[in-house]
Amino acid sequence: MLLRIEEGGRITLPAEVLESLGARPGDRLRLEEGPDGYVLRPRRIDFSRLAPLRTHLRPETEPFDIHAFRAQPHDPALRD
């Protein structure tokens, strides 16, 4: 598979690559150097690390569905 480097060093990954990684718009990918070259890995959210934050929420706070939030359309300019 060949990729073209665009202006400013950008590349576009084919849809089948993103699908195999399980990546969606707004996700982050990690590029790691390995002994045989570079490896692209999805950066997953470790939901278990969020559990301790529950003690800091007010009792009247409604549950937050991160999956529904991530499925909503977003303005790419708001992402870091």
N, C-alpha and C. Protein backbone atom coordinates (compact mmCIF):
# COMPACT_ATOMS: atom_id res chain seq x y z
N MET A 1 0.86 -1.17 0.00
CA MET A 1 0.00 0.00 0.00
C MET A 1 0.91 1.23 0.00
N LEU A 2 0.66 2.12 -0.91
CA LEU A 2 1.42 3.36 -0.99
C LEU A 2 0.56 4.53 -0.53
N LEU A 3 1.17 5.43 0.22
CA LEU A 3 0.49 6.65 0.67
C LEU A 3 1.25 7.85 0.13
N ARG A 4 0.53 8.89 -0.17
CA ARG A 4 1.15 10.12 -0.66
C ARG A 4 1.26 11.11 0.49
N ILE A 5 2.41 11.78 0.58
CA ILE A 5 2.60 12.83 1.57
C ILE A 5 2.10 14.14 0.95
N GLU A 6 1.13 14.74 1.61
CA GLU A 6 0.52 15.97 1.12
C GLU A 6 1.27 17.19 1.66
N GLU A 7 0.81 18.34 1.27
CA GLU A 7 1.36 19.61 1.75
C GLU A 7 1.36 19.63 3.27
N GLY A 8 2.42 20.05 3.87
CA GLY A 8 2.52 20.13 5.32
C GLY A 8 2.79 18.78 5.98
N GLY A 9 3.10 17.74 5.20
CA GLY A 9 3.43 16.44 5.76
C GLY A 9 2.24 15.57 6.10
N ARG A 10 1.04 15.97 5.67
CA ARG A 10 -0.16 15.18 5.98
C ARG A 10 -0.26 13.95 5.08
N ILE A 11 -0.83 12.89 5.65
CA ILE A 11 -1.16 11.70 4.86
C ILE A 11 -2.62 11.33 5.16
N THR A 12 -3.24 10.64 4.23
CA THR A 12 -4.59 10.14 4.44
C THR A 12 -4.51 8.64 4.46
N LEU A 13 -5.04 8.05 5.54
CA LEU A 13 -5.05 6.60 5.65
C LEU A 13 -6.30 6.06 4.97
N PRO A 14 -6.18 4.98 4.23
CA PRO A 14 -7.35 4.39 3.57
C PRO A 14 -8.38 3.93 4.60
N ALA A 15 -9.64 3.95 4.20
CA ALA A 15 -10.75 3.58 5.09
C ALA A 15 -10.57 2.19 5.67
N GLU A 16 -10.07 1.23 4.87
CA GLU A 16 -9.92 -0.13 5.39
C GLU A 16 -8.88 -0.21 6.50
N VAL A 17 -7.88 0.65 6.46
CA VAL A 17 -6.88 0.70 7.54
C VAL A 17 -7.52 1.24 8.81
N LEU A 18 -8.27 2.33 8.67
CA LEU A 18 -8.93 2.92 9.84
C LEU A 18 -9.95 1.95 10.44
N GLU A 19 -10.68 1.24 9.58
CA GLU A 19 -11.66 0.26 10.06
C GLU A 19 -10.96 -0.87 10.82
N SER A 20 -9.83 -1.34 10.29
CA SER A 20 -9.13 -2.44 10.96
C SER A 20 -8.58 -2.01 12.32
N LEU A 21 -8.28 -0.72 12.47
CA LEU A 21 -7.82 -0.19 13.75
C LEU A 21 -8.98 0.13 14.69
N GLY A 22 -10.18 0.18 14.13
CA GLY A 22 -11.35 0.56 14.92
C GLY A 22 -11.36 2.05 15.19
N ALA A 23 -10.70 2.83 14.34
CA ALA A 23 -10.57 4.28 14.53
C ALA A 23 -11.75 5.01 13.90
N ARG A 24 -12.18 6.07 14.60
CA ARG A 24 -13.27 6.91 14.11
C ARG A 24 -12.83 8.37 14.17
N PRO A 25 -13.59 9.25 13.53
CA PRO A 25 -13.23 10.67 13.59
C PRO A 25 -13.10 11.15 15.04
N GLY A 26 -12.04 11.86 15.31
CA GLY A 26 -11.78 12.38 16.66
C GLY A 26 -10.89 11.47 17.49
N ASP A 27 -10.71 10.21 17.06
CA ASP A 27 -9.82 9.31 17.78
C ASP A 27 -8.37 9.73 17.59
N ARG A 28 -7.53 9.23 18.46
CA ARG A 28 -6.10 9.48 18.34
C ARG A 28 -5.40 8.17 18.00
N LEU A 29 -4.36 8.26 17.22
CA LEU A 29 -3.54 7.11 16.87
C LEU A 29 -2.13 7.36 17.37
N ARG A 30 -1.51 6.31 17.86
CA ARG A 30 -0.14 6.41 18.38
C ARG A 30 0.80 5.77 17.35
N LEU A 31 1.85 6.48 16.99
CA LEU A 31 2.88 5.98 16.08
C LEU A 31 4.08 5.61 16.94
N GLU A 32 4.39 4.30 17.00
CA GLU A 32 5.48 3.82 17.85
C GLU A 32 6.59 3.25 16.98
N GLU A 33 7.82 3.55 17.37
CA GLU A 33 8.97 3.00 16.66
C GLU A 33 9.27 1.62 17.22
N GLY A 34 9.40 0.65 16.35
CA GLY A 34 9.71 -0.72 16.75
C GLY A 34 10.97 -1.19 16.07
N PRO A 35 11.39 -2.41 16.35
CA PRO A 35 12.63 -2.93 15.75
C PRO A 35 12.56 -3.08 14.24
N ASP A 36 11.35 -3.26 13.71
CA ASP A 36 11.20 -3.44 12.26
C ASP A 36 10.60 -2.23 11.57
N GLY A 37 10.55 -1.10 12.24
CA GLY A 37 9.97 0.11 11.65
C GLY A 37 8.94 0.70 12.59
N TYR A 38 8.00 1.43 12.03
CA TYR A 38 6.98 2.09 12.84
C TYR A 38 5.69 1.29 12.85
N VAL A 39 4.98 1.38 13.98
CA VAL A 39 3.71 0.68 14.15
C VAL A 39 2.66 1.72 14.54
N LEU A 40 1.51 1.64 13.90
CA LEU A 40 0.41 2.55 14.19
C LEU A 40 -0.59 1.82 15.08
N ARG A 41 -0.91 2.41 16.25
CA ARG A 41 -1.83 1.78 17.19
C ARG A 41 -2.90 2.78 17.61
N PRO A 42 -4.15 2.30 17.77
CA PRO A 42 -5.17 3.21 18.28
C PRO A 42 -4.90 3.50 19.76
N ARG A 43 -5.17 4.71 20.16
CA ARG A 43 -5.03 5.07 21.58
C ARG A 43 -6.40 4.92 22.20
N ARG A 44 -6.56 3.93 23.01
CA ARG A 44 -7.84 3.61 23.62
C ARG A 44 -8.02 4.33 24.95
N ILE A 45 -9.27 4.61 25.28
CA ILE A 45 -9.60 5.18 26.57
C ILE A 45 -9.71 4.03 27.56
N ASP A 46 -9.01 4.12 28.67
CA ASP A 46 -9.10 3.11 29.73
C ASP A 46 -10.21 3.56 30.68
N PHE A 47 -11.42 3.05 30.45
CA PHE A 47 -12.58 3.49 31.21
C PHE A 47 -12.45 3.19 32.70
N SER A 48 -11.66 2.18 33.05
CA SER A 48 -11.49 1.85 34.47
C SER A 48 -10.79 2.99 35.22
N ARG A 49 -10.02 3.80 34.52
CA ARG A 49 -9.33 4.91 35.17
C ARG A 49 -10.29 6.05 35.49
N LEU A 50 -11.48 6.04 34.89
CA LEU A 50 -12.46 7.09 35.13
C LEU A 50 -13.29 6.82 36.38
N ALA A 51 -13.37 5.56 36.81
CA ALA A 51 -14.22 5.17 37.94
C ALA A 51 -13.94 5.97 39.22
N PRO A 52 -12.67 6.23 39.59
CA PRO A 52 -12.43 6.99 40.83
C PRO A 52 -13.02 8.40 40.81
N LEU A 53 -13.31 8.92 39.64
CA LEU A 53 -13.86 10.28 39.55
C LEU A 53 -15.30 10.35 40.03
N ARG A 54 -15.98 9.20 40.12
CA ARG A 54 -17.38 9.18 40.56
C ARG A 54 -17.54 9.82 41.94
N THR A 55 -16.56 9.66 42.80
CA THR A 55 -16.67 10.20 44.16
C THR A 55 -16.63 11.73 44.16
N HIS A 56 -16.24 12.33 43.04
CA HIS A 56 -16.16 13.78 42.94
C HIS A 56 -17.39 14.40 42.28
N LEU A 57 -18.34 13.57 41.87
CA LEU A 57 -19.55 14.06 41.22
C LEU A 57 -20.65 14.30 42.25
N ARG A 58 -21.47 15.30 41.99
CA ARG A 58 -22.62 15.55 42.85
C ARG A 58 -23.65 14.45 42.64
N PRO A 59 -24.39 14.08 43.68
CA PRO A 59 -25.39 13.01 43.55
C PRO A 59 -26.44 13.28 42.48
N GLU A 60 -26.77 14.54 42.24
CA GLU A 60 -27.81 14.86 41.24
C GLU A 60 -27.29 14.84 39.80
N THR A 61 -26.00 14.63 39.62
CA THR A 61 -25.42 14.60 38.27
C THR A 61 -25.91 13.37 37.52
N GLU A 62 -26.43 13.62 36.31
CA GLU A 62 -26.91 12.51 35.49
C GLU A 62 -25.74 11.72 34.93
N PRO A 63 -25.91 10.41 34.70
CA PRO A 63 -24.83 9.61 34.11
C PRO A 63 -24.45 10.13 32.73
N PHE A 64 -23.19 10.04 32.41
CA PHE A 64 -22.66 10.52 31.14
C PHE A 64 -22.35 9.31 30.27
N ASP A 65 -22.94 9.26 29.07
CA ASP A 65 -22.70 8.16 28.14
C ASP A 65 -21.64 8.60 27.14
N ILE A 66 -20.41 8.16 27.37
CA ILE A 66 -19.30 8.60 26.52
C ILE A 66 -19.46 8.07 25.10
N HIS A 67 -20.06 6.89 24.94
CA HIS A 67 -20.24 6.33 23.59
C HIS A 67 -21.23 7.17 22.79
N ALA A 68 -22.31 7.60 23.41
CA ALA A 68 -23.28 8.46 22.73
C ALA A 68 -22.65 9.81 22.41
N PHE A 69 -21.85 10.33 23.33
CA PHE A 69 -21.17 11.60 23.11
C PHE A 69 -20.23 11.52 21.91
N ARG A 70 -19.46 10.44 21.83
CA ARG A 70 -18.49 10.29 20.74
C ARG A 70 -19.18 10.07 19.39
N ALA A 71 -20.41 9.57 19.41
CA ALA A 71 -21.15 9.33 18.16
C ALA A 71 -21.77 10.60 17.60
N GLN A 72 -21.84 11.66 18.40
CA GLN A 72 -22.43 12.91 17.94
C GLN A 72 -21.50 13.61 16.95
N PRO A 73 -22.07 14.33 15.97
CA PRO A 73 -21.22 15.12 15.07
C PRO A 73 -20.48 16.19 15.88
N HIS A 74 -19.30 16.52 15.45
CA HIS A 74 -18.50 17.51 16.16
C HIS A 74 -17.82 18.45 15.18
N ASP A 75 -17.42 19.57 15.69
CA ASP A 75 -16.65 20.53 14.90
C ASP A 75 -15.17 20.18 15.08
N PRO A 76 -14.49 19.73 14.02
CA PRO A 76 -13.09 19.34 14.16
C PRO A 76 -12.20 20.45 14.72
N ALA A 77 -12.61 21.70 14.56
CA ALA A 77 -11.80 22.81 15.07
C ALA A 77 -11.76 22.82 16.60
N LEU A 78 -12.72 22.13 17.24
CA LEU A 78 -12.76 22.11 18.70
C LEU A 78 -11.87 21.03 19.29
N ARG A 79 -11.36 20.12 18.47
CA ARG A 79 -10.49 19.05 18.95
C ARG A 79 -9.06 19.56 19.10
N ASP A 80 -8.32 18.97 20.03
CA ASP A 80 -6.92 19.37 20.18
C ASP A 80 -6.03 18.58 19.28
